[in-house]
N, C-alpha and C. Protein backbone atom coordinates (compact mmCIF):
# COMPACT_ATOMS: atom_id res chain seq x y z
N MET A 1 25.41 -79.93 27.03
CA MET A 1 24.57 -79.81 28.00
C MET A 1 24.48 -79.49 29.72
N PRO A 2 24.31 -78.46 29.80
CA PRO A 2 25.00 -78.32 31.41
C PRO A 2 24.07 -79.53 32.02
N SER A 3 24.37 -80.46 33.17
CA SER A 3 23.36 -80.92 34.18
C SER A 3 22.57 -79.68 34.54
N GLN A 4 22.91 -78.06 35.37
CA GLN A 4 22.31 -77.84 36.41
C GLN A 4 21.18 -77.35 34.93
N THR A 5 21.31 -76.78 33.90
CA THR A 5 20.46 -76.80 33.34
C THR A 5 18.92 -77.99 33.38
N ILE A 6 19.35 -79.33 33.60
CA ILE A 6 18.08 -80.02 33.30
C ILE A 6 17.29 -79.81 34.39
N THR A 7 18.22 -79.35 35.86
CA THR A 7 17.58 -79.80 37.04
C THR A 7 17.05 -78.68 37.37
N ASP A 8 17.59 -77.43 37.23
CA ASP A 8 16.41 -76.22 36.94
C ASP A 8 15.10 -76.59 36.42
N LEU A 9 15.51 -76.71 34.93
CA LEU A 9 13.87 -77.19 34.23
C LEU A 9 13.04 -78.14 34.76
N ARG A 10 13.70 -79.22 35.65
CA ARG A 10 12.63 -79.72 36.05
C ARG A 10 12.04 -79.58 37.34
N GLN A 11 12.15 -77.89 37.78
CA GLN A 11 11.15 -77.40 38.62
C GLN A 11 10.18 -76.65 38.10
N VAL A 12 10.17 -76.75 36.74
CA VAL A 12 9.05 -75.88 36.27
C VAL A 12 8.27 -77.02 35.84
N ASN A 13 6.73 -76.40 36.62
CA ASN A 13 5.69 -77.81 36.92
C ASN A 13 5.33 -77.80 34.99
N LEU A 14 5.01 -77.09 34.20
CA LEU A 14 5.01 -77.32 33.22
C LEU A 14 5.54 -78.64 32.24
N PHE A 15 6.80 -78.78 33.09
CA PHE A 15 8.04 -79.83 32.72
C PHE A 15 7.30 -81.06 33.36
N ALA A 16 6.88 -81.06 34.60
CA ALA A 16 6.69 -82.72 35.33
C ALA A 16 6.50 -83.55 34.63
N GLY A 17 5.81 -83.74 33.81
CA GLY A 17 5.51 -84.97 32.89
C GLY A 17 6.10 -85.31 31.60
N LEU A 18 6.90 -84.01 31.12
CA LEU A 18 7.88 -84.42 30.23
C LEU A 18 8.88 -85.87 30.33
N SER A 19 8.95 -86.29 28.63
CA SER A 19 9.86 -87.38 29.27
C SER A 19 11.22 -86.98 29.40
N ASP A 20 12.48 -87.53 29.74
CA ASP A 20 13.54 -87.29 29.80
C ASP A 20 14.35 -87.09 28.75
N ALA A 21 14.05 -87.64 27.32
CA ALA A 21 14.58 -87.43 25.69
C ALA A 21 13.64 -85.67 25.80
N THR A 22 12.70 -85.27 25.74
CA THR A 22 12.43 -84.35 25.65
C THR A 22 12.91 -83.16 26.21
N LEU A 23 13.25 -83.09 27.74
CA LEU A 23 13.13 -82.21 28.46
C LEU A 23 15.07 -82.01 27.94
N GLN A 24 15.64 -83.53 27.66
CA GLN A 24 16.95 -83.03 27.19
C GLN A 24 16.93 -82.28 26.00
N GLN A 25 16.28 -82.17 25.19
CA GLN A 25 16.11 -81.03 23.77
C GLN A 25 15.67 -80.06 24.60
N ILE A 26 14.88 -79.50 25.17
CA ILE A 26 14.41 -78.39 26.14
C ILE A 26 15.49 -78.02 26.78
N ALA A 27 16.55 -78.17 27.26
CA ALA A 27 17.99 -77.88 27.86
C ALA A 27 18.94 -77.51 26.83
N ALA A 28 18.88 -78.68 25.98
CA ALA A 28 19.67 -78.04 24.82
C ALA A 28 19.99 -76.39 23.97
N ARG A 29 18.35 -76.23 24.31
CA ARG A 29 17.88 -74.91 23.36
C ARG A 29 17.92 -73.78 24.17
N VAL A 30 17.49 -74.08 25.53
CA VAL A 30 17.26 -72.22 26.32
C VAL A 30 18.65 -71.91 26.84
N ILE A 31 17.89 -70.65 26.98
CA ILE A 31 18.71 -69.71 27.37
C ILE A 31 18.03 -69.27 28.79
N GLN A 32 19.03 -68.99 29.70
CA GLN A 32 19.06 -68.75 31.23
C GLN A 32 19.57 -67.46 31.04
N ARG A 33 18.34 -66.58 32.14
CA ARG A 33 18.77 -65.05 32.11
C ARG A 33 17.63 -64.69 33.56
N THR A 34 18.64 -63.82 34.14
CA THR A 34 18.10 -63.10 35.31
C THR A 34 17.60 -61.68 35.43
N TYR A 35 16.95 -61.19 35.68
CA TYR A 35 15.81 -60.08 35.64
C TYR A 35 15.73 -59.37 37.30
N PRO A 36 16.48 -57.94 37.52
CA PRO A 36 16.44 -57.58 38.45
C PRO A 36 14.96 -56.58 38.72
N ALA A 37 14.90 -56.82 40.23
CA ALA A 37 13.49 -56.37 40.71
C ALA A 37 13.08 -54.97 39.81
N GLY A 38 11.86 -54.98 39.49
CA GLY A 38 11.18 -54.24 38.43
C GLY A 38 12.02 -54.04 36.94
N ASP A 39 12.74 -55.20 36.52
CA ASP A 39 12.89 -54.72 35.31
C ASP A 39 11.98 -55.39 34.40
N ALA A 40 11.94 -54.35 32.98
CA ALA A 40 10.98 -54.98 32.14
C ALA A 40 10.82 -56.06 31.35
N ILE A 41 10.67 -56.92 31.51
CA ILE A 41 10.70 -58.16 30.69
C ILE A 41 10.43 -58.45 29.15
N LEU A 42 8.88 -58.17 28.79
CA LEU A 42 8.26 -57.32 27.82
C LEU A 42 7.83 -56.22 27.40
N GLN A 43 7.96 -55.35 26.47
CA GLN A 43 6.93 -54.70 26.39
C GLN A 43 5.76 -55.14 25.05
N ASP A 44 4.51 -54.38 25.28
CA ASP A 44 3.66 -54.91 24.48
C ASP A 44 3.63 -54.04 23.09
N GLY A 45 3.34 -54.89 22.42
CA GLY A 45 3.37 -54.57 20.76
C GLY A 45 4.90 -54.81 19.78
N ASP A 46 5.66 -55.19 21.01
CA ASP A 46 7.24 -55.40 20.65
C ASP A 46 7.33 -56.79 19.96
N PRO A 47 8.15 -56.97 19.02
CA PRO A 47 8.61 -57.89 18.42
C PRO A 47 8.27 -59.14 19.42
N CYS A 48 7.78 -60.41 19.00
CA CYS A 48 8.15 -61.57 20.15
C CYS A 48 10.02 -62.17 19.87
N SER A 49 10.18 -62.54 20.85
CA SER A 49 11.58 -62.80 20.47
C SER A 49 11.40 -64.48 21.15
N GLY A 50 10.56 -64.70 21.99
CA GLY A 50 10.78 -65.74 22.77
C GLY A 50 9.94 -66.38 24.04
N VAL A 51 9.25 -67.52 24.48
CA VAL A 51 8.70 -67.90 25.23
C VAL A 51 9.64 -68.23 26.68
N TYR A 52 9.18 -68.26 27.71
CA TYR A 52 9.55 -67.61 29.07
C TYR A 52 9.13 -68.85 30.30
N PHE A 53 10.31 -68.98 30.83
CA PHE A 53 9.63 -70.20 31.57
C PHE A 53 10.36 -70.13 33.05
N ILE A 54 9.30 -69.28 34.42
CA ILE A 54 10.16 -68.48 35.07
C ILE A 54 11.01 -69.85 36.08
N LEU A 55 11.95 -69.84 36.49
CA LEU A 55 12.47 -70.42 37.09
C LEU A 55 12.41 -70.20 38.65
N SER A 56 12.50 -68.94 39.29
CA SER A 56 12.21 -68.00 40.35
C SER A 56 11.83 -67.19 40.56
N GLY A 57 11.27 -66.43 41.33
CA GLY A 57 10.20 -65.31 41.52
C GLY A 57 8.99 -64.79 41.00
N GLN A 58 8.62 -63.55 40.69
CA GLN A 58 7.15 -63.39 40.07
C GLN A 58 7.03 -62.54 39.21
N VAL A 59 6.71 -63.04 38.12
CA VAL A 59 6.50 -61.74 37.13
C VAL A 59 4.88 -61.22 36.87
N ARG A 60 4.75 -59.87 36.53
CA ARG A 60 3.48 -59.07 36.78
C ARG A 60 3.60 -58.88 34.93
N ILE A 61 2.14 -59.98 34.41
CA ILE A 61 1.67 -59.43 33.17
C ILE A 61 0.47 -58.49 33.04
N TYR A 62 0.40 -57.48 32.40
CA TYR A 62 -0.08 -56.34 32.43
C TYR A 62 -0.25 -55.72 30.90
N ARG A 63 -1.75 -55.29 30.83
CA ARG A 63 -2.00 -54.11 29.98
C ARG A 63 -1.88 -52.73 30.73
N LEU A 64 -1.86 -51.68 29.36
CA LEU A 64 -2.42 -50.42 29.72
C LEU A 64 -2.72 -49.93 28.45
N ASN A 65 -3.88 -48.88 29.52
CA ASN A 65 -5.03 -48.29 28.61
C ASN A 65 -4.61 -46.39 27.38
N ALA A 66 -5.12 -46.24 27.55
CA ALA A 66 -4.26 -44.93 26.37
C ALA A 66 -3.97 -43.94 27.32
N ASP A 67 -4.24 -43.89 28.41
CA ASP A 67 -3.95 -42.92 29.66
C ASP A 67 -3.40 -43.19 30.74
N GLY A 68 -2.75 -44.75 30.15
CA GLY A 68 -1.14 -45.13 31.30
C GLY A 68 -2.27 -45.59 32.46
N ARG A 69 -3.27 -46.26 32.82
CA ARG A 69 -4.17 -47.07 33.49
C ARG A 69 -3.67 -48.35 33.41
N GLU A 70 -2.99 -49.59 34.50
CA GLU A 70 -2.77 -50.81 34.60
C GLU A 70 -3.71 -51.40 34.64
N GLN A 71 -4.07 -52.39 33.84
CA GLN A 71 -4.70 -53.70 34.15
C GLN A 71 -3.79 -54.74 34.33
N VAL A 72 -4.02 -55.22 35.78
CA VAL A 72 -2.70 -56.92 35.93
C VAL A 72 -3.30 -57.84 35.22
N LEU A 73 -3.31 -58.76 34.33
CA LEU A 73 -3.91 -59.77 33.68
C LEU A 73 -3.70 -60.90 34.69
N VAL A 74 -2.54 -61.11 35.20
CA VAL A 74 -1.77 -62.26 36.22
C VAL A 74 -0.28 -62.20 36.97
N ARG A 75 0.02 -62.25 38.26
CA ARG A 75 0.87 -62.33 38.54
C ARG A 75 1.43 -64.04 38.47
N MET A 76 2.43 -64.75 38.11
CA MET A 76 3.41 -65.52 37.68
C MET A 76 4.11 -66.12 38.16
N GLY A 77 4.47 -66.78 38.92
CA GLY A 77 5.44 -67.58 39.90
C GLY A 77 6.31 -68.43 39.53
N ALA A 78 7.45 -69.23 40.23
CA ALA A 78 7.99 -70.58 39.67
C ALA A 78 7.28 -71.65 39.09
N GLY A 79 7.91 -71.94 37.67
CA GLY A 79 7.27 -73.19 37.19
C GLY A 79 6.07 -72.54 36.29
N GLN A 80 6.02 -71.37 36.00
CA GLN A 80 4.66 -71.14 34.96
C GLN A 80 5.75 -70.59 34.01
N ALA A 81 4.97 -70.29 32.92
CA ALA A 81 5.09 -69.58 31.34
C ALA A 81 4.79 -68.67 31.11
N PHE A 82 4.80 -67.76 29.97
CA PHE A 82 4.28 -66.55 29.48
C PHE A 82 4.79 -65.99 27.80
N ASN A 83 4.09 -65.57 27.58
CA ASN A 83 4.35 -65.40 26.32
C ASN A 83 4.17 -66.96 25.29
N THR A 84 3.74 -67.78 25.51
CA THR A 84 3.85 -68.82 24.60
C THR A 84 2.53 -68.82 23.42
N VAL A 85 1.50 -67.28 23.05
CA VAL A 85 0.92 -67.38 22.31
C VAL A 85 1.87 -66.68 20.47
N PRO A 86 2.40 -65.29 20.72
CA PRO A 86 2.74 -64.58 19.75
C PRO A 86 3.60 -65.36 19.15
N PRO A 87 4.83 -66.62 19.09
CA PRO A 87 5.27 -67.10 18.23
C PRO A 87 4.57 -67.90 17.25
N LEU A 88 3.37 -68.38 17.30
CA LEU A 88 2.43 -68.89 16.53
C LEU A 88 1.81 -68.23 15.97
N GLN A 89 1.60 -66.88 16.42
CA GLN A 89 1.25 -66.16 15.36
C GLN A 89 1.99 -65.21 14.23
N SER A 90 1.45 -64.93 13.22
CA SER A 90 1.57 -64.48 12.06
C SER A 90 3.01 -63.32 12.38
N GLN A 91 2.24 -62.24 13.16
CA GLN A 91 2.81 -60.50 13.34
C GLN A 91 3.86 -61.11 14.39
N ALA A 92 3.82 -62.52 15.54
CA ALA A 92 4.87 -62.20 16.12
C ALA A 92 5.03 -61.40 17.37
N CYS A 93 3.81 -61.02 17.61
CA CYS A 93 4.16 -59.35 18.12
C CYS A 93 3.82 -59.69 20.36
N ASN A 94 4.43 -59.44 20.53
CA ASN A 94 3.87 -59.38 22.25
C ASN A 94 2.72 -58.66 22.48
N HIS A 95 1.76 -59.50 23.71
CA HIS A 95 0.82 -59.32 23.37
C HIS A 95 0.17 -58.39 25.10
N SER A 96 1.40 -58.18 25.68
CA SER A 96 1.32 -57.44 27.17
C SER A 96 2.61 -57.13 27.22
N TYR A 97 2.66 -56.49 28.53
CA TYR A 97 3.92 -55.97 29.30
C TYR A 97 4.04 -57.00 30.18
N ALA A 98 5.12 -56.98 30.39
CA ALA A 98 5.19 -58.07 31.72
C ALA A 98 6.91 -57.57 32.58
N SER A 99 6.84 -57.17 33.82
CA SER A 99 7.88 -56.79 34.77
C SER A 99 8.47 -57.69 35.93
N ALA A 100 9.39 -58.05 36.42
CA ALA A 100 9.81 -58.64 37.52
C ALA A 100 9.51 -58.18 38.59
N GLU A 101 8.84 -58.87 39.13
CA GLU A 101 8.60 -58.28 40.90
C GLU A 101 9.43 -59.24 41.39
N GLY A 102 10.39 -58.48 42.41
CA GLY A 102 12.00 -58.99 42.73
C GLY A 102 12.71 -59.38 41.81
N GLU A 103 13.56 -60.17 42.44
CA GLU A 103 14.27 -60.68 40.92
C GLU A 103 14.18 -62.11 40.56
N VAL A 104 14.01 -62.37 39.13
CA VAL A 104 13.10 -63.21 38.18
C VAL A 104 14.62 -63.94 37.81
N SER A 105 14.65 -65.38 37.66
CA SER A 105 15.36 -65.86 36.64
C SER A 105 14.56 -66.57 35.80
N ALA A 106 14.74 -67.02 34.77
CA ALA A 106 14.17 -67.83 33.75
C ALA A 106 14.34 -68.31 32.62
N ALA A 107 13.96 -69.37 32.02
CA ALA A 107 14.24 -69.95 31.06
C ALA A 107 14.03 -69.31 29.81
N ILE A 108 14.33 -69.43 28.97
CA ILE A 108 13.80 -69.25 27.55
C ILE A 108 14.28 -69.30 26.64
N LEU A 109 13.02 -70.06 25.74
CA LEU A 109 13.58 -70.89 24.63
C LEU A 109 12.73 -69.84 23.13
N ARG A 110 13.65 -69.29 22.06
CA ARG A 110 13.84 -68.53 21.17
C ARG A 110 12.31 -69.35 20.33
N ASN A 111 11.16 -68.73 19.55
CA ASN A 111 10.44 -68.49 18.79
C ASN A 111 11.25 -69.76 17.84
N VAL A 112 12.06 -70.08 17.25
CA VAL A 112 11.89 -71.01 16.23
C VAL A 112 12.31 -72.44 17.22
N ASP A 113 13.02 -72.47 18.30
CA ASP A 113 12.78 -73.09 19.09
C ASP A 113 11.88 -73.51 19.59
N TYR A 114 11.07 -73.02 19.87
CA TYR A 114 9.67 -73.49 20.42
C TYR A 114 8.91 -73.95 19.47
N VAL A 115 9.22 -73.43 18.30
CA VAL A 115 7.87 -74.06 17.28
C VAL A 115 8.42 -75.65 16.91
N GLU A 116 9.72 -75.73 17.34
CA GLU A 116 10.31 -76.75 16.47
C GLU A 116 10.18 -77.84 17.12
N LEU A 117 10.24 -77.83 18.72
CA LEU A 117 9.82 -78.30 19.66
C LEU A 117 8.25 -78.91 20.00
N LEU A 118 7.72 -78.25 19.30
CA LEU A 118 6.07 -78.55 19.31
C LEU A 118 5.50 -79.42 18.39
N GLN A 119 6.80 -79.17 17.38
CA GLN A 119 6.45 -80.13 15.96
C GLN A 119 6.46 -81.36 16.58
N THR A 120 8.01 -81.49 16.66
CA THR A 120 8.66 -82.35 16.99
C THR A 120 8.41 -83.39 18.41
N CYS A 121 8.04 -83.23 19.54
CA CYS A 121 7.71 -83.39 20.70
C CYS A 121 6.20 -83.41 21.08
N PRO A 122 5.76 -84.29 21.31
CA PRO A 122 4.25 -84.86 21.38
C PRO A 122 3.87 -84.64 22.66
N ASP A 123 4.80 -84.46 23.86
CA ASP A 123 4.38 -84.38 25.27
C ASP A 123 4.23 -83.25 25.49
N PHE A 124 5.33 -82.49 25.00
CA PHE A 124 6.08 -80.77 24.99
C PHE A 124 4.80 -80.21 24.66
N ALA A 125 4.36 -80.16 23.39
CA ALA A 125 3.10 -80.06 22.65
C ALA A 125 1.91 -80.06 23.46
N LEU A 126 1.42 -81.04 24.07
CA LEU A 126 -0.24 -81.50 24.70
C LEU A 126 0.04 -80.45 25.82
N THR A 127 1.60 -80.65 26.49
CA THR A 127 1.68 -79.96 27.92
C THR A 127 1.40 -78.23 27.67
N ILE A 128 1.62 -77.44 26.69
CA ILE A 128 1.58 -76.23 26.24
C ILE A 128 -0.09 -75.87 25.75
N LEU A 129 -1.02 -77.10 25.11
CA LEU A 129 -2.24 -76.89 24.76
C LEU A 129 -2.94 -77.10 26.23
N HIS A 130 -2.53 -77.68 27.45
CA HIS A 130 -3.28 -77.79 28.58
C HIS A 130 -2.86 -76.26 28.86
N ASP A 131 -1.80 -75.61 29.39
CA ASP A 131 -1.57 -74.60 29.56
C ASP A 131 -2.39 -73.46 29.12
N PHE A 132 -2.69 -73.46 27.55
CA PHE A 132 -3.44 -72.56 27.37
C PHE A 132 -5.04 -72.58 27.44
N ALA A 133 -5.63 -74.20 27.78
CA ALA A 133 -6.46 -74.08 28.36
C ALA A 133 -6.77 -73.62 29.61
N ASP A 134 -6.08 -73.42 30.68
CA ASP A 134 -5.87 -72.86 32.13
C ASP A 134 -5.82 -71.07 31.24
N ARG A 135 -5.03 -70.94 30.95
CA ARG A 135 -4.65 -69.65 30.23
C ARG A 135 -6.31 -69.17 29.88
N LEU A 136 -6.94 -69.52 29.08
CA LEU A 136 -7.94 -69.05 28.22
C LEU A 136 -8.86 -69.16 29.51
N ASP A 137 -8.93 -70.17 30.63
CA ASP A 137 -10.21 -70.32 31.64
C ASP A 137 -9.96 -69.02 32.49
N HIS A 138 -8.79 -68.70 32.52
CA HIS A 138 -8.07 -67.11 33.69
C HIS A 138 -9.28 -65.99 33.41
N LEU A 139 -8.72 -66.25 31.89
CA LEU A 139 -9.39 -64.69 30.84
C LEU A 139 -10.56 -64.67 30.73
N THR A 140 -11.29 -65.75 31.09
CA THR A 140 -12.43 -65.98 31.07
C THR A 140 -13.58 -65.48 32.15
N ASN A 141 -12.55 -65.85 33.10
CA ASN A 141 -12.87 -65.70 34.56
C ASN A 141 -13.22 -63.78 34.62
N LEU A 142 -11.41 -63.47 34.11
CA LEU A 142 -11.19 -62.05 34.46
C LEU A 142 -12.17 -61.21 33.35
N VAL A 143 -12.86 -62.00 32.53
CA VAL A 143 -13.80 -61.00 31.33
C VAL A 143 -15.08 -60.95 32.40
N GLU A 144 -15.20 -62.01 32.56
CA GLU A 144 -16.58 -62.08 33.86
C GLU A 144 -16.71 -61.01 34.97
N ASP A 145 -15.35 -61.10 35.19
CA ASP A 145 -15.68 -59.82 36.57
C ASP A 145 -15.57 -58.94 36.33
N LEU A 146 -14.58 -58.20 35.38
CA LEU A 146 -14.56 -56.88 34.98
C LEU A 146 -15.96 -56.61 34.62
N GLY A 147 -16.61 -57.26 33.69
CA GLY A 147 -18.02 -56.83 33.05
C GLY A 147 -19.31 -57.18 33.62
N LEU A 148 -18.97 -58.17 34.56
CA LEU A 148 -20.42 -58.49 35.41
C LEU A 148 -20.20 -58.34 36.80
N ARG A 149 -19.75 -58.08 36.95
CA ARG A 149 -19.54 -57.59 39.00
C ARG A 149 -19.09 -56.56 39.50
N SER A 150 -19.57 -56.10 39.95
CA SER A 150 -19.02 -54.33 40.86
C SER A 150 -17.47 -54.37 41.29
N VAL A 151 -17.22 -53.11 41.33
CA VAL A 151 -15.63 -53.45 42.08
C VAL A 151 -15.90 -54.04 43.51
N ARG A 152 -16.94 -53.41 44.48
CA ARG A 152 -17.08 -54.55 45.50
C ARG A 152 -16.96 -55.64 45.49
N ALA A 153 -17.68 -56.20 44.67
CA ALA A 153 -17.95 -57.79 44.67
C ALA A 153 -16.21 -58.30 44.46
N ARG A 154 -15.61 -57.64 43.44
CA ARG A 154 -14.63 -57.63 42.66
C ARG A 154 -13.43 -57.69 43.77
N LEU A 155 -13.55 -56.87 44.63
CA LEU A 155 -12.04 -56.00 45.94
C LEU A 155 -12.49 -57.45 47.16
N ALA A 156 -13.76 -57.76 47.28
CA ALA A 156 -14.28 -59.07 48.32
C ALA A 156 -13.49 -60.70 47.33
N ARG A 157 -13.37 -60.34 46.45
CA ARG A 157 -13.19 -61.84 45.69
C ARG A 157 -12.10 -61.79 46.04
N PHE A 158 -11.00 -60.77 45.13
CA PHE A 158 -9.57 -60.19 46.04
C PHE A 158 -8.94 -60.80 46.99
N LEU A 159 -9.85 -60.29 47.85
CA LEU A 159 -9.09 -60.28 49.77
C LEU A 159 -9.07 -62.15 49.67
N ILE A 160 -10.25 -62.41 49.34
CA ILE A 160 -10.22 -64.00 49.77
C ILE A 160 -9.22 -64.93 49.23
N GLU A 161 -8.93 -65.04 48.31
CA GLU A 161 -8.03 -65.24 46.85
C GLU A 161 -6.51 -65.13 47.50
N GLN A 162 -6.57 -63.84 47.67
CA GLN A 162 -5.22 -63.37 48.43
C GLN A 162 -4.99 -64.24 50.15
N ALA A 163 -5.75 -64.47 50.86
CA ALA A 163 -5.96 -64.96 51.97
C ALA A 163 -5.26 -66.41 51.76
N ASP A 164 -6.28 -67.12 50.94
CA ASP A 164 -6.27 -68.26 50.66
C ASP A 164 -4.81 -68.88 50.04
N ALA A 165 -4.15 -67.74 49.14
CA ALA A 165 -3.26 -67.99 48.62
C ALA A 165 -1.83 -67.73 49.57
N GLY A 166 -2.07 -67.26 51.09
CA GLY A 166 -0.91 -66.48 51.53
C GLY A 166 -0.49 -65.15 51.54
N THR A 167 -1.03 -64.60 50.58
CA THR A 167 0.05 -63.48 50.34
C THR A 167 -0.73 -62.28 50.39
N LEU A 168 -1.71 -62.01 51.14
CA LEU A 168 -3.17 -60.84 51.43
C LEU A 168 -1.88 -59.70 52.76
N SER A 169 -0.99 -61.11 53.46
CA SER A 169 0.22 -60.01 54.62
C SER A 169 1.21 -59.80 53.96
N ARG A 170 1.18 -59.73 52.11
CA ARG A 170 2.71 -58.96 51.54
C ARG A 170 2.61 -57.60 51.40
N GLY A 171 2.12 -57.09 51.50
CA GLY A 171 1.67 -55.47 51.51
C GLY A 171 1.65 -54.74 50.35
N TRP A 172 0.46 -55.46 49.95
CA TRP A 172 -0.27 -55.15 48.30
C TRP A 172 -0.67 -53.48 48.69
N THR A 173 0.08 -52.60 48.36
CA THR A 173 -0.47 -51.08 48.25
C THR A 173 -2.45 -50.99 47.30
N GLN A 174 -2.94 -49.77 47.41
CA GLN A 174 -4.33 -49.80 47.19
C GLN A 174 -3.79 -49.53 45.46
N ASP A 175 -2.81 -49.20 45.23
CA ASP A 175 -2.40 -48.71 43.49
C ASP A 175 -1.96 -49.62 42.93
N GLU A 176 -1.49 -51.01 43.62
CA GLU A 176 -1.24 -52.13 43.21
C GLU A 176 -2.87 -53.53 42.90
N ILE A 177 -3.82 -53.01 44.02
CA ILE A 177 -5.20 -53.92 44.39
C ILE A 177 -6.08 -53.09 42.95
N ALA A 178 -5.67 -51.78 43.09
CA ALA A 178 -6.47 -50.80 41.66
C ALA A 178 -5.90 -51.54 40.28
N ALA A 179 -5.17 -51.63 40.25
CA ALA A 179 -4.67 -52.43 38.79
C ALA A 179 -4.78 -53.63 38.65
N HIS A 180 -5.00 -54.10 39.62
CA HIS A 180 -5.37 -55.92 39.51
C HIS A 180 -6.98 -55.89 39.73
N LEU A 181 -7.42 -54.99 39.87
CA LEU A 181 -9.11 -55.44 39.51
C LEU A 181 -9.99 -54.30 38.90
N GLY A 182 -8.75 -53.80 37.99
CA GLY A 182 -9.07 -52.64 36.76
C GLY A 182 -9.72 -51.42 37.15
N THR A 183 -9.37 -50.90 38.30
CA THR A 183 -10.59 -49.39 38.90
C THR A 183 -9.58 -48.87 39.14
N VAL A 184 -9.84 -47.88 39.78
CA VAL A 184 -8.78 -46.59 40.19
C VAL A 184 -8.57 -46.98 41.65
N ARG A 185 -7.64 -45.69 42.06
CA ARG A 185 -6.82 -46.35 44.04
C ARG A 185 -8.05 -45.91 45.19
N ASP A 186 -8.87 -44.39 44.46
CA ASP A 186 -9.87 -43.83 45.42
C ASP A 186 -10.92 -45.33 45.55
N MET A 187 -11.32 -45.24 44.43
CA MET A 187 -12.68 -46.75 44.31
C MET A 187 -12.54 -47.68 45.18
N VAL A 188 -10.64 -48.27 45.54
CA VAL A 188 -10.35 -49.05 46.30
C VAL A 188 -10.38 -48.83 47.75
N SER A 189 -9.92 -47.61 47.97
CA SER A 189 -9.90 -46.75 49.05
C SER A 189 -11.58 -46.97 50.27
N ARG A 190 -12.10 -46.09 49.10
CA ARG A 190 -13.75 -46.07 49.30
C ARG A 190 -14.13 -47.93 50.26
N THR A 191 -13.98 -48.64 49.38
CA THR A 191 -14.65 -49.88 49.42
C THR A 191 -13.60 -50.40 50.86
N LEU A 192 -12.29 -50.15 50.52
CA LEU A 192 -11.87 -50.80 51.86
C LEU A 192 -12.42 -50.19 53.41
N ARG A 193 -12.48 -49.09 53.09
CA ARG A 193 -13.36 -48.53 54.43
C ARG A 193 -14.78 -49.20 54.76
N VAL A 194 -15.57 -48.84 53.61
CA VAL A 194 -16.87 -49.60 53.77
C VAL A 194 -16.86 -51.23 54.55
N PHE A 195 -15.69 -52.14 54.03
CA PHE A 195 -15.56 -53.11 54.40
C PHE A 195 -15.28 -53.18 56.11
N ASN A 196 -13.93 -52.28 56.32
CA ASN A 196 -13.30 -52.14 57.56
C ASN A 196 -14.48 -51.86 58.62
N ASP A 197 -15.60 -50.85 58.04
CA ASP A 197 -16.43 -50.18 59.23
C ASP A 197 -17.89 -51.45 58.98
N ALA A 198 -18.15 -52.39 58.62
CA ALA A 198 -18.58 -53.41 58.44
C ALA A 198 -18.22 -54.70 59.17
N GLY A 199 -16.88 -54.10 59.42
CA GLY A 199 -15.79 -55.73 60.46
C GLY A 199 -15.96 -56.49 59.76
N LEU A 200 -16.21 -56.30 58.01
CA LEU A 200 -15.58 -57.57 57.40
C LEU A 200 -13.66 -57.64 57.68
N ILE A 201 -13.11 -56.80 57.94
CA ILE A 201 -11.45 -56.59 57.45
C ILE A 201 -10.76 -56.02 58.50
N ARG A 202 -9.68 -55.72 58.85
CA ARG A 202 -9.01 -55.04 59.85
C ARG A 202 -8.12 -54.36 58.61
N SER A 203 -7.61 -53.42 58.63
CA SER A 203 -6.56 -52.74 57.65
C SER A 203 -5.19 -52.30 59.32
N GLN A 204 -3.71 -53.15 59.06
CA GLN A 204 -3.09 -52.69 59.55
C GLN A 204 -2.10 -52.30 58.62
N ARG A 205 -1.31 -51.34 58.77
CA ARG A 205 -0.18 -50.78 58.37
C ARG A 205 -0.66 -51.02 57.10
N GLN A 206 0.51 -51.80 55.89
CA GLN A 206 -0.06 -52.24 54.87
C GLN A 206 -0.21 -53.39 54.70
N SER A 207 -0.55 -53.89 55.27
CA SER A 207 -1.55 -55.52 55.35
C SER A 207 -2.90 -55.48 55.80
N ILE A 208 -3.73 -56.88 55.09
CA ILE A 208 -5.05 -56.80 55.91
C ILE A 208 -5.78 -57.89 56.39
N LEU A 209 -6.30 -57.45 57.41
CA LEU A 209 -6.59 -59.16 57.79
C LEU A 209 -8.23 -59.34 57.81
N LEU A 210 -8.32 -60.52 57.43
CA LEU A 210 -9.92 -60.99 57.21
C LEU A 210 -10.68 -61.37 58.49
N LEU A 211 -11.44 -60.65 58.89
CA LEU A 211 -12.24 -60.87 60.53
C LEU A 211 -13.69 -61.74 60.02
N ASP A 212 -14.27 -61.60 59.03
CA ASP A 212 -15.47 -62.17 58.57
C ASP A 212 -15.63 -62.73 56.96
N ARG A 213 -15.10 -63.92 56.43
CA ARG A 213 -15.10 -64.61 55.72
C ARG A 213 -15.91 -64.49 54.77
N GLY A 214 -17.58 -64.61 55.68
CA GLY A 214 -18.63 -65.15 55.16
C GLY A 214 -19.25 -64.06 54.88
N GLY A 215 -19.44 -62.61 55.01
CA GLY A 215 -19.39 -61.95 54.83
C GLY A 215 -18.79 -60.78 53.85
N LEU A 216 -17.38 -61.58 53.35
CA LEU A 216 -17.00 -61.21 51.63
C LEU A 216 -17.61 -62.05 51.16
N GLU A 217 -17.42 -63.47 51.35
CA GLU A 217 -18.02 -64.23 50.39
C GLU A 217 -19.41 -63.73 49.68
N GLN A 218 -20.28 -63.25 50.92
CA GLN A 218 -21.61 -62.51 50.47
C GLN A 218 -21.42 -61.93 49.06
N GLU A 219 -20.52 -60.73 49.93
CA GLU A 219 -19.96 -59.36 49.02
C GLU A 219 -19.94 -59.77 47.53
N ALA A 220 -18.60 -61.01 47.35
CA ALA A 220 -18.32 -61.70 46.41
C ALA A 220 -19.17 -61.87 45.52
N LYS A 221 -20.55 -62.38 46.20
CA LYS A 221 -21.68 -62.90 45.09
C LYS A 221 -22.32 -61.74 44.64
N MET A 222 -22.06 -60.10 45.19
CA MET A 222 -23.50 -59.26 44.76
C MET A 222 -23.05 -58.84 43.44
């Protein structure tokens, strides 16, 4: 069991509270793999081959509708896990697409090893349950946003959240924002112009500067 594997696994937030014995069992089973930028990690509907724990980089999790329009479900970074549900289902198929945003390093547990660890390591099982709860909360909020809030309100909330996370200046394209909000580029472009004209934001090349957070917070409530 390589010591480097255990060192890498200790960087995963989900594993922070695990016992050394459990961490050793995980380390003995994981396969480490690196994905180049833009690489497809998962294909929606394909048989699930395992659970992924991100060691470095960022992964975009998304769905596509019949017309090919993308809905970003979540972006995940180092310390997070994805594809944790399919191995527990009878058909064991991927529920979404996943692609690497920049180079990604991940530790992968095969389905059989994942299920065995859940059955034999209570601390690992509890950790995964906590992750399920957080994921359910996120998806519930996403459904609420899509069903009950206008694009204008969703965009205002998105800008605030990205500013708080320090990622607003990373160069979001309008296509990326539209995919995240579940809308189309033209709607994002028009709404950004409205916010700009109202003095709420200022667009600078591919970055956006918040000028009136209070005003955006009011927009996010509408």
